C-alpha atoms as a PDB file:
ATOM      1  CA  ASP A   1       8.737  12.939  -4.319  1.00  0.00           C
ATOM      2  CA  THR A   2      10.637  13.261  -1.031  1.00  0.00           C
ATOM      3  CA  GLY A   3       8.790  13.263   2.152  1.00  0.00           C
ATOM      4  CA  GLU A   4       7.467  11.143   4.939  1.00  0.00           C
ATOM      5  CA  HIS A   5       3.930  10.865   6.080  1.00  0.00           C
ATOM      6  CA  VAL A   6       3.289   9.394   9.567  1.00  0.00           C
ATOM      7  CA  VAL A   7      -0.219   8.320  10.587  1.00  0.00           C
ATOM      8  CA  GLY A   8      -0.965   7.584  14.267  1.00  0.00           C
ATOM      9  CA  ALA A   9       1.181   7.571  17.281  1.00  0.00           C
ATOM     10  CA  GLY A  10       3.831   5.173  18.487  1.00  0.00           C
ATOM     11  CA  ALA A  11       6.237   3.107  16.452  1.00  0.00           C
ATOM     12  CA  PRO A  12       5.035   2.379  12.994  1.00  0.00           C
ATOM     13  CA  GLY A  13       3.446  -1.103  12.407  1.00  0.00           C
ATOM     14  CA  LEU A  14       3.614  -0.778   8.524  1.00  0.00           C
ATOM     15  CA  THR A  15       5.868   1.300   6.340  1.00  0.00           C
ATOM     16  CA  LEU A  16       5.595   1.815   2.532  1.00  0.00           C
ATOM     17  CA  VAL A  17       8.653   3.201   0.548  1.00  0.00           C
ATOM     18  CA  ALA A  18       7.142   4.257  -2.877  1.00  0.00           C
ATOM     19  CA  THR A  19       6.840   7.338  -5.255  1.00  0.00           C
ATOM     20  CA  PRO A  20       3.669   9.294  -4.763  1.00  0.00           C
ATOM     21  CA  PHE A  21       2.300   7.726  -7.953  1.00  0.00           C
ATOM     22  CA  GLU A  22       2.762   4.163  -6.935  1.00  0.00           C
ATOM     23  CA  ALA A  23       1.543   4.901  -3.352  1.00  0.00           C
ATOM     24  CA  LEU A  24      -1.649   6.248  -4.907  1.00  0.00           C
ATOM     25  CA  ARG A  25      -2.035   3.171  -7.029  1.00  0.00           C
ATOM     26  CA  LEU A  26      -1.249   0.734  -4.222  1.00  0.00           C
ATOM     27  CA  LEU A  27      -3.492   2.331  -1.601  1.00  0.00           C
ATOM     28  CA  GLY A  28      -6.235   3.265  -4.176  1.00  0.00           C
ATOM     29  CA  SER A  29      -7.160  -0.322  -4.917  1.00  0.00           C
ATOM     30  CA  ARG A  30      -5.521  -0.175  -8.454  1.00  0.00           C
ATOM     31  CA  ARG A  31      -3.021  -3.046  -7.717  1.00  0.00           C
ATOM     32  CA  THR A  32      -3.648  -6.818  -7.218  1.00  0.00           C
ATOM     33  CA  LYS A  33      -2.997  -8.575  -3.972  1.00  0.00           C
ATOM     34  CA  GLU A  34       0.132 -10.072  -5.484  1.00  0.00           C
ATOM     35  CA  GLN A  35       1.295  -6.480  -6.576  1.00  0.00           C
ATOM     36  CA  LEU A  36       0.692  -5.170  -3.083  1.00  0.00           C
ATOM     37  CA  ARG A  37       2.666  -8.129  -1.467  1.00  0.00           C
ATOM     38  CA  ALA A  38       5.610  -7.324  -3.890  1.00  0.00           C
ATOM     39  CA  ALA A  39       5.717  -3.596  -3.007  1.00  0.00           C
ATOM     40  CA  SER A  40       8.121  -2.171  -0.588  1.00  0.00           C
ATOM     41  CA  PHE A  41       6.112  -2.769   2.588  1.00  0.00           C
ATOM     42  CA  GLU A  42       7.969  -3.169   5.897  1.00  0.00           C
ATOM     43  CA  GLY A  43       5.798  -4.644   8.546  1.00  0.00           C
ATOM     44  CA  ASP A  44       2.782  -7.010   8.794  1.00  0.00           C
ATOM     45  CA  LEU A  45       0.828  -6.041   5.688  1.00  0.00           C
ATOM     46  CA  ASP A  46      -1.850  -8.623   6.365  1.00  0.00           C
ATOM     47  CA  ARG A  47      -2.651  -7.012   9.660  1.00  0.00           C
ATOM     48  CA  TYR A  48      -3.272  -3.593   8.087  1.00  0.00           C
ATOM     49  CA  LEU A  49      -4.485  -4.481   4.613  1.00  0.00           C
ATOM     50  CA  PRO A  50      -8.265  -4.506   5.575  1.00  0.00           C
ATOM     51  CA  GLY A  51      -7.923  -0.978   6.785  1.00  0.00           C
ATOM     52  CA  LEU A  52      -6.022   0.176   3.685  1.00  0.00           C
ATOM     53  CA  LEU A  53      -8.513  -1.030   1.057  1.00  0.00           C
ATOM     54  CA  HIS A  54     -11.607   0.889   0.214  1.00  0.00           C
ATOM     55  CA  MET A  55     -12.855  -1.505  -2.528  1.00  0.00           C
ATOM     56  CA  GLU A  56     -12.153  -4.847  -4.080  1.00  0.00           C
ATOM     57  CA  LEU A  57      -8.713  -5.298  -5.645  1.00  0.00           C
ATOM     58  CA  PRO A  58      -8.492  -6.085  -9.343  1.00  0.00           C
ATOM     59  CA  ALA A  59      -8.163  -9.921 -10.210  1.00  0.00           C
ATOM     60  CA  THR A  60      -5.535  -9.145 -12.939  1.00  0.00           C
ATOM     61  CA  ASP A  61      -2.917  -6.541 -13.570  1.00  0.00           C
ATOM     62  CA  LEU A  62      -4.462  -3.351 -14.917  1.00  0.00           C
ATOM     63  CA  GLY A  63      -1.348  -2.550 -16.940  1.00  0.00           C
ATOM     64  CA  GLU A  64      -0.873   1.049 -15.749  1.00  0.00           C
END
């Protein structure tokens, strides 16, 4: 639950502060776009969002 994972070189363009469980849900297309926007991302989420998603996001909260 404590750790930092940096991908790429240079200054980060997007940072997420989350538990491993929530990071998995956010980055595994298990959250709605509204839930993604409410998460603790720092940076331009819209710029990186297409590269983060591997499938369609749910239209409604999955309640998990």
